[in-house]
């Protein structure tokens, strides 16, 4: 039996769920590493990462290096005496870090590897209309999400499920996967599987303004999947134009109606207190959206204070 002495690395809410599962099982957590504090929001107030908030609440030893190759940080990390490192939603580690502990460094990734390696696996699984996803634990190597796999857990994606809802379910699934992985490592029973590097492997690209913008010329189901795959964050967006004005609008919730019509792609149609946008094969029904400078609101609420003309369009 290996007595586990763990250093945990992670930053967002997803990582907190996993850290809490480890903490609740009374594993020896010698240190927690998370992102440096940074200003956020309009007031540029200093914001702590979700993992830092948790570590402070539980009184865990906290490190926030800005440079993972810094000699001082590496010396401090080594001095903790960990024999295993667990990584969840953190950054790429230099070899000096991931090779340090005797039992290795493993990562929990929110996809069924080798599919969806990269920064946004949950979003892209939904955007691409997948029906199944899951989590994978693997030992980190010199590339991103390519190391030898320890175990996988699968989960079905709901037909109308948002990335946000899937995120929460994958976090729960991930808790179990990490505890099982720790149990295997503790007992010395790990058997790894090498990842294939060829074939139809999809990538979970980093989300940016360009790939979050709606292309109304695409089939309606693809637009619908993009919207739910980016909800609630960072949210799909479009330009809306009417009466010489243009707005950058975020869309959080939509429906899709597959039907034949004679409208130009992107035309905004308002009927029965609904806002619909024409696609090549039907309509996207805007259910929850956000106008610039406003809070997100239901479409029928927006229509209470705003009227669209016959020439309104999205693009």
C-alpha atoms as a PDB file:
ATOM      1  CA  UNK A   1       0.000   0.000   0.000  1.00  0.00           C
ATOM      2  CA  UNK A   2       1.171   3.500  -0.869  1.00  0.00           C
ATOM      3  CA  UNK A   3       0.335   6.115   1.744  1.00  0.00           C
ATOM      4  CA  UNK A   4      -0.763   8.964  -0.514  1.00  0.00           C
ATOM      5  CA  UNK A   5       0.609  12.434   0.119  1.00  0.00           C
ATOM      6  CA  UNK A   6      -1.152  14.677  -2.368  1.00  0.00           C
ATOM      7  CA  UNK A   7      -0.637  18.066  -3.973  1.00  0.00           C
ATOM      8  CA  UNK A   8      -3.755  19.259  -5.839  1.00  0.00           C
ATOM      9  CA  UNK A   9      -3.679  21.670  -8.780  1.00  0.00           C
ATOM     10  CA  UNK A  10      -6.756  23.372 -10.213  1.00  0.00           C
ATOM     11  CA  UNK A  11      -8.532  26.683 -10.655  1.00  0.00           C
ATOM     12  CA  UNK A  12     -12.272  26.782 -11.533  1.00  0.00           C
ATOM     13  CA  UNK A  13     -15.447  25.525  -9.857  1.00  0.00           C
ATOM     14  CA  UNK A  14     -15.140  22.160 -11.626  1.00  0.00           C
ATOM     15  CA  UNK A  15     -11.857  21.551  -9.794  1.00  0.00           C
ATOM     16  CA  UNK A  16     -13.394  22.497  -6.429  1.00  0.00           C
ATOM     17  CA  UNK A  17     -15.857  19.609  -6.625  1.00  0.00           C
ATOM     18  CA  UNK A  18     -12.994  17.156  -7.112  1.00  0.00           C
ATOM     19  CA  UNK A  19     -10.809  18.719  -4.409  1.00  0.00           C
ATOM     20  CA  UNK A  20     -13.729  18.518  -1.990  1.00  0.00           C
ATOM     21  CA  UNK A  21     -14.243  14.817  -2.772  1.00  0.00           C
ATOM     22  CA  UNK A  22     -10.559  14.167  -1.960  1.00  0.00           C
ATOM     23  CA  UNK A  23     -10.776  16.288   1.198  1.00  0.00           C
ATOM     24  CA  UNK A  24     -13.944  14.537   2.404  1.00  0.00           C
ATOM     25  CA  UNK A  25     -12.199  11.165   2.116  1.00  0.00           C
ATOM     26  CA  UNK A  26      -9.503  12.391   4.534  1.00  0.00           C
ATOM     27  CA  UNK A  27      -6.628  12.016   2.100  1.00  0.00           C
ATOM     28  CA  UNK A  28      -3.455  13.830   3.129  1.00  0.00           C
ATOM     29  CA  UNK A  29      -3.499  17.056   1.064  1.00  0.00           C
ATOM     30  CA  UNK A  30      -0.109  18.702   1.570  1.00  0.00           C
ATOM     31  CA  UNK A  31      -0.705  21.640  -0.742  1.00  0.00           C
ATOM     32  CA  UNK A  32      -3.054  23.246  -3.237  1.00  0.00           C
ATOM     33  CA  UNK A  33      -1.780  25.113  -6.301  1.00  0.00           C
ATOM     34  CA  UNK A  34      -4.037  27.512  -8.149  1.00  0.00           C
ATOM     35  CA  UNK A  35      -3.909  30.515 -10.469  1.00  0.00           C
ATOM     36  CA  UNK A  36      -2.600  33.863  -9.263  1.00  0.00           C
ATOM     37  CA  UNK A  37      -5.215  36.440  -8.239  1.00  0.00           C
ATOM     38  CA  UNK A  38      -6.312  38.779 -10.986  1.00  0.00           C
ATOM     39  CA  UNK A  39      -8.569  41.820 -11.334  1.00  0.00           C
ATOM     40  CA  UNK A  40     -11.994  41.115 -12.825  1.00  0.00           C
ATOM     41  CA  UNK A  41     -15.219  42.909 -13.686  1.00  0.00           C
ATOM     42  CA  UNK A  42     -15.891  46.571 -14.238  1.00  0.00           C
ATOM     43  CA  UNK A  43     -14.345  47.642 -10.949  1.00  0.00           C
ATOM     44  CA  UNK A  44     -11.248  45.505 -11.633  1.00  0.00           C
ATOM     45  CA  UNK A  45     -11.436  44.131  -8.101  1.00  0.00           C
ATOM     46  CA  UNK A  46      -9.019  41.344  -7.253  1.00  0.00           C
ATOM     47  CA  UNK A  47     -10.765  38.006  -7.733  1.00  0.00           C
ATOM     48  CA  UNK A  48      -9.714  34.742  -6.120  1.00  0.00           C
ATOM     49  CA  UNK A  49     -10.052  31.490  -8.036  1.00  0.00           C
ATOM     50  CA  UNK A  50     -12.771  29.096  -6.865  1.00  0.00           C
ATOM     51  CA  UNK A  51     -10.062  26.674  -5.722  1.00  0.00           C
ATOM     52  CA  UNK A  52      -8.333  29.387  -3.656  1.00  0.00           C
ATOM     53  CA  UNK A  53     -11.623  30.231  -1.931  1.00  0.00           C
ATOM     54  CA  UNK A  54     -12.058  26.567  -1.017  1.00  0.00           C
ATOM     55  CA  UNK A  55      -8.449  26.106   0.129  1.00  0.00           C
ATOM     56  CA  UNK A  56      -8.681  29.160   2.401  1.00  0.00           C
ATOM     57  CA  UNK A  57     -11.983  27.939   3.841  1.00  0.00           C
ATOM     58  CA  UNK A  58     -10.457  24.540   4.678  1.00  0.00           C
ATOM     59  CA  UNK A  59      -7.116  25.902   5.849  1.00  0.00           C
ATOM     60  CA  UNK A  60      -5.127  24.071   3.175  1.00  0.00           C
ATOM     61  CA  UNK A  61      -1.572  25.132   2.329  1.00  0.00           C
ATOM     62  CA  UNK A  62      -1.830  27.319  -0.770  1.00  0.00           C
ATOM     63  CA  UNK A  63       0.634  28.197  -3.539  1.00  0.00           C
ATOM     64  CA  UNK A  64      -0.062  30.632  -6.393  1.00  0.00           C
ATOM     65  CA  UNK A  65       2.979  30.652  -8.674  1.00  0.00           C
ATOM     66  CA  UNK A  66       3.018  32.926 -11.703  1.00  0.00           C
ATOM     67  CA  UNK A  67       5.848  30.911 -13.255  1.00  0.00           C
ATOM     68  CA  UNK A  68       5.780  27.127 -12.856  1.00  0.00           C
ATOM     69  CA  UNK A  69       9.456  26.917 -13.840  1.00  0.00           C
ATOM     70  CA  UNK A  70      10.601  29.364 -11.158  1.00  0.00           C
ATOM     71  CA  UNK A  71      13.360  27.821  -9.018  1.00  0.00           C
ATOM     72  CA  UNK A  72      11.834  29.153  -5.811  1.00  0.00           C
ATOM     73  CA  UNK A  73       8.457  27.591  -6.599  1.00  0.00           C
ATOM     74  CA  UNK A  74      10.011  24.257  -7.599  1.00  0.00           C
ATOM     75  CA  UNK A  75      11.988  24.159  -4.345  1.00  0.00           C
ATOM     76  CA  UNK A  76       8.869  24.939  -2.297  1.00  0.00           C
ATOM     77  CA  UNK A  77       6.858  22.293  -4.172  1.00  0.00           C
ATOM     78  CA  UNK A  78       9.561  19.685  -3.555  1.00  0.00           C
ATOM     79  CA  UNK A  79       9.752  20.607   0.127  1.00  0.00           C
ATOM     80  CA  UNK A  80       6.087  19.632   0.569  1.00  0.00           C
ATOM     81  CA  UNK A  81       7.138  15.992   0.141  1.00  0.00           C
ATOM     82  CA  UNK A  82       4.160  14.860  -1.952  1.00  0.00           C
ATOM     83  CA  UNK A  83       4.318  11.491  -3.700  1.00  0.00           C
ATOM     84  CA  UNK A  84       1.329  12.170  -6.000  1.00  0.00           C
ATOM     85  CA  UNK A  85      -0.077  15.203  -7.791  1.00  0.00           C
ATOM     86  CA  UNK A  86      -3.703  15.495  -8.923  1.00  0.00           C
ATOM     87  CA  UNK A  87      -4.529  18.037 -11.628  1.00  0.00           C
ATOM     88  CA  UNK A  88      -8.026  19.232 -12.608  1.00  0.00           C
ATOM     89  CA  UNK A  89      -8.621  22.160 -14.997  1.00  0.00           C
ATOM     90  CA  UNK A  90      -5.236  23.779 -14.511  1.00  0.00           C
ATOM     91  CA  UNK A  91      -2.556  24.839 -16.983  1.00  0.00           C
ATOM     92  CA  UNK A  92       0.093  22.891 -18.843  1.00  0.00           C
ATOM     93  CA  UNK A  93       2.799  21.710 -16.453  1.00  0.00           C
ATOM     94  CA  UNK A  94       6.530  21.761 -17.175  1.00  0.00           C
ATOM     95  CA  UNK A  95       8.310  18.420 -16.947  1.00  0.00           C
ATOM     96  CA  UNK A  96      10.091  19.505 -13.760  1.00  0.00           C
ATOM     97  CA  UNK A  97       6.673  19.664 -12.066  1.00  0.00           C
ATOM     98  CA  UNK A  98       4.821  16.618 -13.411  1.00  0.00           C
ATOM     99  CA  UNK A  99       7.823  14.311 -13.036  1.00  0.00           C
ATOM    100  CA  UNK A 100       8.507  15.375  -9.452  1.00  0.00           C
ATOM    101  CA  UNK A 101       6.352  12.991  -7.356  1.00  0.00           C
ATOM    102  CA  UNK A 102       7.312   9.334  -7.013  1.00  0.00           C
ATOM    103  CA  UNK A 103       3.833   8.050  -7.947  1.00  0.00           C
ATOM    104  CA  UNK A 104       3.366  10.484 -10.831  1.00  0.00           C
ATOM    105  CA  UNK A 105       0.922  13.251 -11.699  1.00  0.00           C
ATOM    106  CA  UNK A 106      -2.527  12.429 -12.977  1.00  0.00           C
ATOM    107  CA  UNK A 107      -5.146  14.636 -14.580  1.00  0.00           C
ATOM    108  CA  UNK A 108      -8.932  14.419 -14.701  1.00  0.00           C
ATOM    109  CA  UNK A 109     -10.175  15.490 -18.149  1.00  0.00           C
ATOM    110  CA  UNK A 110     -13.863  16.040 -18.893  1.00  0.00           C
ATOM    111  CA  UNK A 111     -14.079  13.931 -22.047  1.00  0.00           C
ATOM    112  CA  UNK A 112     -13.580  10.371 -23.224  1.00  0.00           C
ATOM    113  CA  UNK A 113      -9.994  10.668 -24.380  1.00  0.00           C
ATOM    114  CA  UNK A 114      -8.533  10.741 -26.971  1.00  0.00           C
ATOM    115  CA  UNK A 115     -11.613  12.693 -28.058  1.00  0.00           C
ATOM    116  CA  UNK A 116     -11.785  16.378 -27.138  1.00  0.00           C
ATOM    117  CA  UNK A 117      -8.281  17.009 -25.895  1.00  0.00           C
ATOM    118  CA  UNK A 118      -7.924  20.692 -25.103  1.00  0.00           C
ATOM    119  CA  UNK A 119      -9.372  23.612 -23.222  1.00  0.00           C
ATOM    120  CA  UNK A 120     -13.151  23.264 -23.616  1.00  0.00           C
ATOM    121  CA  UNK A 121     -14.165  19.583 -23.837  1.00  0.00           C
ATOM    122  CA  UNK A 122     -17.607  19.967 -22.264  1.00  0.00           C
ATOM    123  CA  UNK A 123     -18.623  22.787 -24.606  1.00  0.00           C
ATOM    124  CA  UNK A 124     -17.419  21.094 -27.785  1.00  0.00           C
ATOM    125  CA  UNK A 125     -19.105  17.777 -27.006  1.00  0.00           C
ATOM    126  CA  UNK A 126     -22.439  19.631 -26.853  1.00  0.00           C
ATOM    127  CA  UNK A 127     -21.672  21.945 -29.796  1.00  0.00           C
ATOM    128  CA  UNK A 128     -20.867  18.923 -31.978  1.00  0.00           C
ATOM    129  CA  UNK A 129     -24.114  17.178 -31.023  1.00  0.00           C
ATOM    130  CA  UNK A 130     -22.504  14.244 -29.215  1.00  0.00           C
ATOM    131  CA  UNK A 131     -24.867  11.936 -27.337  1.00  0.00           C
ATOM    132  CA  UNK A 132     -22.228  10.453 -25.016  1.00  0.00           C
ATOM    133  CA  UNK A 133     -19.258  11.934 -23.172  1.00  0.00           C
ATOM    134  CA  UNK A 134     -17.532  11.296 -19.867  1.00  0.00           C
ATOM    135  CA  UNK A 135     -14.355  11.762 -17.877  1.00  0.00           C
ATOM    136  CA  UNK A 136     -10.896  10.235 -18.130  1.00  0.00           C
ATOM    137  CA  UNK A 137      -8.036  10.073 -15.662  1.00  0.00           C
ATOM    138  CA  UNK A 138      -4.547   9.812 -17.151  1.00  0.00           C
ATOM    139  CA  UNK A 139      -0.912  10.297 -16.208  1.00  0.00           C
ATOM    140  CA  UNK A 140       0.422  13.582 -17.541  1.00  0.00           C
ATOM    141  CA  UNK A 141       3.203  13.555 -20.123  1.00  0.00           C
ATOM    142  CA  UNK A 142       4.924  16.273 -22.169  1.00  0.00           C
ATOM    143  CA  UNK A 143       1.943  17.016 -24.442  1.00  0.00           C
ATOM    144  CA  UNK A 144      -1.600  18.227 -23.715  1.00  0.00           C
ATOM    145  CA  UNK A 145      -4.052  15.479 -22.666  1.00  0.00           C
ATOM    146  CA  UNK A 146      -2.105  12.692 -24.399  1.00  0.00           C
ATOM    147  CA  UNK A 147      -0.816  10.612 -21.477  1.00  0.00           C
ATOM    148  CA  UNK A 148      -1.522   6.985 -20.587  1.00  0.00           C
ATOM    149  CA  UNK A 149      -5.140   6.544 -19.475  1.00  0.00           C
ATOM    150  CA  UNK A 150      -6.021   5.089 -16.076  1.00  0.00           C
ATOM    151  CA  UNK A 151      -9.813   4.892 -16.255  1.00  0.00           C
ATOM    152  CA  UNK A 152     -12.882   6.293 -18.037  1.00  0.00           C
ATOM    153  CA  UNK A 153     -16.471   6.862 -16.949  1.00  0.00           C
ATOM    154  CA  UNK A 154     -19.254   7.494 -19.483  1.00  0.00           C
ATOM    155  CA  UNK A 155     -22.400   9.601 -19.303  1.00  0.00           C
ATOM    156  CA  UNK A 156     -25.207  10.303 -21.786  1.00  0.00           C
ATOM    157  CA  UNK A 157     -25.753  13.890 -22.960  1.00  0.00           C
ATOM    158  CA  UNK A 158     -29.389  14.999 -22.871  1.00  0.00           C
ATOM    159  CA  UNK A 159     -30.897  16.070 -26.187  1.00  0.00           C
ATOM    160  CA  UNK A 160     -31.588  19.575 -24.860  1.00  0.00           C
ATOM    161  CA  UNK A 161     -28.858  19.696 -22.196  1.00  0.00           C
ATOM    162  CA  UNK A 162     -26.734  22.822 -21.843  1.00  0.00           C
ATOM    163  CA  UNK A 163     -22.993  22.812 -21.267  1.00  0.00           C
ATOM    164  CA  UNK A 164     -23.670  24.231 -17.791  1.00  0.00           C
ATOM    165  CA  UNK A 165     -25.924  21.335 -16.790  1.00  0.00           C
ATOM    166  CA  UNK A 166     -23.501  18.807 -18.282  1.00  0.00           C
ATOM    167  CA  UNK A 167     -20.602  20.496 -16.443  1.00  0.00           C
ATOM    168  CA  UNK A 168     -22.303  19.840 -13.104  1.00  0.00           C
ATOM    169  CA  UNK A 169     -23.047  16.201 -13.903  1.00  0.00           C
ATOM    170  CA  UNK A 170     -19.499  15.600 -15.156  1.00  0.00           C
ATOM    171  CA  UNK A 171     -18.126  17.126 -11.969  1.00  0.00           C
ATOM    172  CA  UNK A 172     -20.108  14.546  -9.977  1.00  0.00           C
ATOM    173  CA  UNK A 173     -18.906  11.760 -12.280  1.00  0.00           C
ATOM    174  CA  UNK A 174     -15.362  13.105 -11.965  1.00  0.00           C
ATOM    175  CA  UNK A 175     -15.445  12.886  -8.183  1.00  0.00           C
ATOM    176  CA  UNK A 176     -16.018   9.137  -8.366  1.00  0.00           C
ATOM    177  CA  UNK A 177     -13.416   8.673 -11.105  1.00  0.00           C
ATOM    178  CA  UNK A 178     -10.729  10.482  -9.097  1.00  0.00           C
ATOM    179  CA  UNK A 179     -11.476   8.562  -5.895  1.00  0.00           C
ATOM    180  CA  UNK A 180     -11.339   5.266  -7.837  1.00  0.00           C
ATOM    181  CA  UNK A 181      -8.030   6.364  -9.378  1.00  0.00           C
ATOM    182  CA  UNK A 182      -6.597   7.255  -5.967  1.00  0.00           C
ATOM    183  CA  UNK A 183      -7.700   3.849  -4.653  1.00  0.00           C
ATOM    184  CA  UNK A 184      -5.952   2.065  -7.537  1.00  0.00           C
ATOM    185  CA  UNK A 185      -2.738   4.061  -7.050  1.00  0.00           C
ATOM    186  CA  UNK A 186      -2.859   3.540  -3.299  1.00  0.00           C
ATOM    187  CA  UNK A 187      -3.185  -0.235  -3.776  1.00  0.00           C
ATOM    188  CA  UNK A 188      -0.527  -0.327  -6.517  1.00  0.00           C
ATOM    189  CA  UNK A 189      -3.098  -1.734  -8.953  1.00  0.00           C
ATOM    190  CA  UNK A 190      -2.944   0.821 -11.781  1.00  0.00           C
ATOM    191  CA  UNK A 191      -3.030  -0.556 -15.308  1.00  0.00           C
ATOM    192  CA  UNK A 192      -2.790   2.122 -17.971  1.00  0.00           C
ATOM    193  CA  UNK A 193      -3.870   2.188 -21.619  1.00  0.00           C
ATOM    194  CA  UNK A 194      -1.968   4.206 -24.198  1.00  0.00           C
ATOM    195  CA  UNK A 195      -4.026   6.718 -26.173  1.00  0.00           C
ATOM    196  CA  UNK A 196      -4.331   6.353 -29.933  1.00  0.00           C
ATOM    197  CA  UNK A 197      -2.967   9.357 -31.797  1.00  0.00           C
ATOM    198  CA  UNK A 198      -4.529   8.725 -35.188  1.00  0.00           C
ATOM    199  CA  UNK A 199      -8.048   8.426 -36.547  1.00  0.00           C
ATOM    200  CA  UNK A 200     -11.037  10.749 -36.285  1.00  0.00           C
ATOM    201  CA  UNK A 201      -9.961  12.615 -33.151  1.00  0.00           C
ATOM    202  CA  UNK A 202     -11.900  15.802 -32.400  1.00  0.00           C
ATOM    203  CA  UNK A 203     -10.264  18.738 -30.617  1.00  0.00           C
ATOM    204  CA  UNK A 204     -11.715  20.896 -27.841  1.00  0.00           C
ATOM    205  CA  UNK A 205     -10.391  24.228 -29.078  1.00  0.00           C
ATOM    206  CA  UNK A 206     -10.156  27.196 -26.760  1.00  0.00           C
ATOM    207  CA  UNK A 207     -13.319  29.288 -26.986  1.00  0.00           C
ATOM    208  CA  UNK A 208     -12.976  32.783 -28.397  1.00  0.00           C
ATOM    209  CA  UNK A 209     -15.197  35.537 -29.749  1.00  0.00           C
ATOM    210  CA  UNK A 210     -15.028  34.162 -33.281  1.00  0.00           C
ATOM    211  CA  UNK A 211     -16.032  30.557 -32.602  1.00  0.00           C
ATOM    212  CA  UNK A 212     -18.820  31.680 -30.249  1.00  0.00           C
ATOM    213  CA  UNK A 213     -20.496  33.803 -32.955  1.00  0.00           C
ATOM    214  CA  UNK A 214     -23.598  32.333 -34.584  1.00  0.00           C
ATOM    215  CA  UNK A 215     -23.409  31.662 -38.323  1.00  0.00           C
ATOM    216  CA  UNK A 216     -27.065  31.830 -39.392  1.00  0.00           C
ATOM    217  CA  UNK A 217     -26.305  30.114 -42.727  1.00  0.00           C
ATOM    218  CA  UNK A 218     -25.665  26.817 -40.920  1.00  0.00           C
ATOM    219  CA  UNK A 219     -28.389  24.188 -40.390  1.00  0.00           C
ATOM    220  CA  UNK A 220     -30.700  25.041 -37.502  1.00  0.00           C
ATOM    221  CA  UNK A 221     -29.704  22.044 -35.389  1.00  0.00           C
ATOM    222  CA  UNK A 222     -26.047  23.141 -35.510  1.00  0.00           C
ATOM    223  CA  UNK A 223     -26.987  26.642 -34.348  1.00  0.00           C
ATOM    224  CA  UNK A 224     -29.191  25.182 -31.616  1.00  0.00           C
ATOM    225  CA  UNK A 225     -26.309  22.959 -30.428  1.00  0.00           C
ATOM    226  CA  UNK A 226     -23.900  25.911 -30.468  1.00  0.00           C
ATOM    227  CA  UNK A 227     -26.229  27.934 -28.242  1.00  0.00           C
ATOM    228  CA  UNK A 228     -26.695  25.162 -25.662  1.00  0.00           C
ATOM    229  CA  UNK A 229     -23.007  24.243 -25.905  1.00  0.00           C
ATOM    230  CA  UNK A 230     -22.004  27.784 -24.884  1.00  0.00           C
ATOM    231  CA  UNK A 231     -24.652  28.290 -22.205  1.00  0.00           C
ATOM    232  CA  UNK A 232     -24.314  29.775 -19.656  1.00  0.00           C
ATOM    233  CA  UNK A 233     -20.709  30.722 -20.376  1.00  0.00           C
ATOM    234  CA  UNK A 234     -19.304  32.298 -22.478  1.00  0.00           C
ATOM    235  CA  UNK A 235     -22.637  32.353 -24.426  1.00  0.00           C
ATOM    236  CA  UNK A 236     -23.277  32.316 -28.163  1.00  0.00           C
ATOM    237  CA  UNK A 237     -23.714  35.750 -29.667  1.00  0.00           C
ATOM    238  CA  UNK A 238     -24.969  37.497 -32.785  1.00  0.00           C
ATOM    239  CA  UNK A 239     -25.413  40.954 -34.217  1.00  0.00           C
ATOM    240  CA  UNK A 240     -29.028  42.129 -34.317  1.00  0.00           C
ATOM    241  CA  UNK A 241     -29.874  44.990 -36.646  1.00  0.00           C
ATOM    242  CA  UNK A 242     -33.056  47.027 -36.910  1.00  0.00           C
ATOM    243  CA  UNK A 243     -33.999  50.600 -37.862  1.00  0.00           C
ATOM    244  CA  UNK A 244     -30.386  51.624 -38.385  1.00  0.00           C
ATOM    245  CA  UNK A 245     -29.285  50.319 -34.984  1.00  0.00           C
ATOM    246  CA  UNK A 246     -27.036  47.355 -34.257  1.00  0.00           C
ATOM    247  CA  UNK A 247     -26.724  45.360 -31.044  1.00  0.00           C
ATOM    248  CA  UNK A 248     -24.334  42.638 -29.935  1.00  0.00           C
ATOM    249  CA  UNK A 249     -26.725  40.119 -28.363  1.00  0.00           C
ATOM    250  CA  UNK A 250     -25.913  37.025 -26.269  1.00  0.00           C
ATOM    251  CA  UNK A 251     -28.281  34.059 -26.483  1.00  0.00           C
ATOM    252  CA  UNK A 252     -28.515  31.687 -23.522  1.00  0.00           C
ATOM    253  CA  UNK A 253     -31.508  29.534 -24.354  1.00  0.00           C
ATOM    254  CA  UNK A 254     -33.242  28.708 -27.612  1.00  0.00           C
ATOM    255  CA  UNK A 255     -35.515  26.256 -29.361  1.00  0.00           C
ATOM    256  CA  UNK A 256     -35.347  24.903 -32.898  1.00  0.00           C
ATOM    257  CA  UNK A 257     -38.238  24.362 -35.271  1.00  0.00           C
ATOM    258  CA  UNK A 258     -37.488  22.429 -38.449  1.00  0.00           C
ATOM    259  CA  UNK A 259     -39.886  23.787 -41.077  1.00  0.00           C
ATOM    260  CA  UNK A 260     -40.123  25.100 -44.611  1.00  0.00           C
ATOM    261  CA  UNK A 261     -40.441  28.888 -45.016  1.00  0.00           C
ATOM    262  CA  UNK A 262     -39.778  31.660 -47.523  1.00  0.00           C
ATOM    263  CA  UNK A 263     -37.843  34.009 -45.232  1.00  0.00           C
ATOM    264  CA  UNK A 264     -34.316  35.177 -45.857  1.00  0.00           C
ATOM    265  CA  UNK A 265     -31.729  33.567 -43.578  1.00  0.00           C
ATOM    266  CA  UNK A 266     -31.273  35.749 -40.466  1.00  0.00           C
ATOM    267  CA  UNK A 267     -34.662  37.477 -40.731  1.00  0.00           C
ATOM    268  CA  UNK A 268     -36.165  38.196 -37.312  1.00  0.00           C
ATOM    269  CA  UNK A 269     -39.828  37.167 -37.082  1.00  0.00           C
ATOM    270  CA  UNK A 270     -41.946  38.136 -34.076  1.00  0.00           C
ATOM    271  CA  UNK A 271     -45.217  36.280 -33.523  1.00  0.00           C
ATOM    272  CA  UNK A 272     -47.188  35.030 -30.516  1.00  0.00           C
ATOM    273  CA  UNK A 273     -44.778  36.772 -28.122  1.00  0.00           C
ATOM    274  CA  UNK A 274     -41.895  34.790 -29.650  1.00  0.00           C
ATOM    275  CA  UNK A 275     -38.726  36.037 -31.342  1.00  0.00           C
ATOM    276  CA  UNK A 276     -37.638  33.688 -34.127  1.00  0.00           C
ATOM    277  CA  UNK A 277     -34.665  33.870 -36.492  1.00  0.00           C
ATOM    278  CA  UNK A 278     -34.888  32.195 -39.877  1.00  0.00           C
ATOM    279  CA  UNK A 279     -32.317  29.544 -40.810  1.00  0.00           C
ATOM    280  CA  UNK A 280     -31.962  27.567 -44.049  1.00  0.00           C
ATOM    281  CA  UNK A 281     -34.211  24.807 -42.697  1.00  0.00           C
ATOM    282  CA  UNK A 282     -36.452  26.398 -40.078  1.00  0.00           C
ATOM    283  CA  UNK A 283     -36.302  28.807 -37.162  1.00  0.00           C
ATOM    284  CA  UNK A 284     -34.249  29.293 -34.028  1.00  0.00           C
ATOM    285  CA  UNK A 285     -36.605  30.503 -31.296  1.00  0.00           C
ATOM    286  CA  UNK A 286     -34.862  32.904 -28.921  1.00  0.00           C
ATOM    287  CA  UNK A 287     -36.029  32.099 -25.388  1.00  0.00           C
ATOM    288  CA  UNK A 288     -33.473  33.828 -23.151  1.00  0.00           C
ATOM    289  CA  UNK A 289     -31.119  36.552 -24.351  1.00  0.00           C
ATOM    290  CA  UNK A 290     -29.112  39.566 -23.241  1.00  0.00           C
ATOM    291  CA  UNK A 291     -29.046  42.979 -24.875  1.00  0.00           C
ATOM    292  CA  UNK A 292     -25.947  45.180 -24.357  1.00  0.00           C
ATOM    293  CA  UNK A 293     -25.838  46.735 -20.889  1.00  0.00           C
ATOM    294  CA  UNK A 294     -28.881  44.735 -19.732  1.00  0.00           C
ATOM    295  CA  UNK A 295     -29.337  41.604 -17.656  1.00  0.00           C
ATOM    296  CA  UNK A 296     -30.315  38.345 -19.381  1.00  0.00           C
ATOM    297  CA  UNK A 297     -34.071  38.197 -19.857  1.00  0.00           C
ATOM    298  CA  UNK A 298     -36.822  36.092 -21.381  1.00  0.00           C
ATOM    299  CA  UNK A 299     -37.720  37.012 -24.952  1.00  0.00           C
ATOM    300  CA  UNK A 300     -41.316  37.873 -24.022  1.00  0.00           C
ATOM    301  CA  UNK A 301     -39.984  40.305 -21.387  1.00  0.00           C
ATOM    302  CA  UNK A 302     -37.821  41.992 -24.026  1.00  0.00           C
ATOM    303  CA  UNK A 303     -40.848  42.352 -26.294  1.00  0.00           C
ATOM    304  CA  UNK A 304     -42.697  44.233 -23.547  1.00  0.00           C
ATOM    305  CA  UNK A 305     -40.332  47.146 -24.033  1.00  0.00           C
ATOM    306  CA  UNK A 306     -39.031  46.697 -27.556  1.00  0.00           C
ATOM    307  CA  UNK A 307     -40.697  46.288 -30.943  1.00  0.00           C
ATOM    308  CA  UNK A 308     -38.957  44.900 -34.015  1.00  0.00           C
ATOM    309  CA  UNK A 309     -39.716  46.065 -37.529  1.00  0.00           C
ATOM    310  CA  UNK A 310     -40.286  43.818 -40.588  1.00  0.00           C
ATOM    311  CA  UNK A 311     -36.657  44.504 -41.591  1.00  0.00           C
ATOM    312  CA  UNK A 312     -34.995  43.290 -38.385  1.00  0.00           C
ATOM    313  CA  UNK A 313     -32.247  40.738 -38.975  1.00  0.00           C
ATOM    314  CA  UNK A 314     -29.580  38.744 -37.199  1.00  0.00           C
ATOM    315  CA  UNK A 315     -26.167  38.164 -38.719  1.00  0.00           C
END
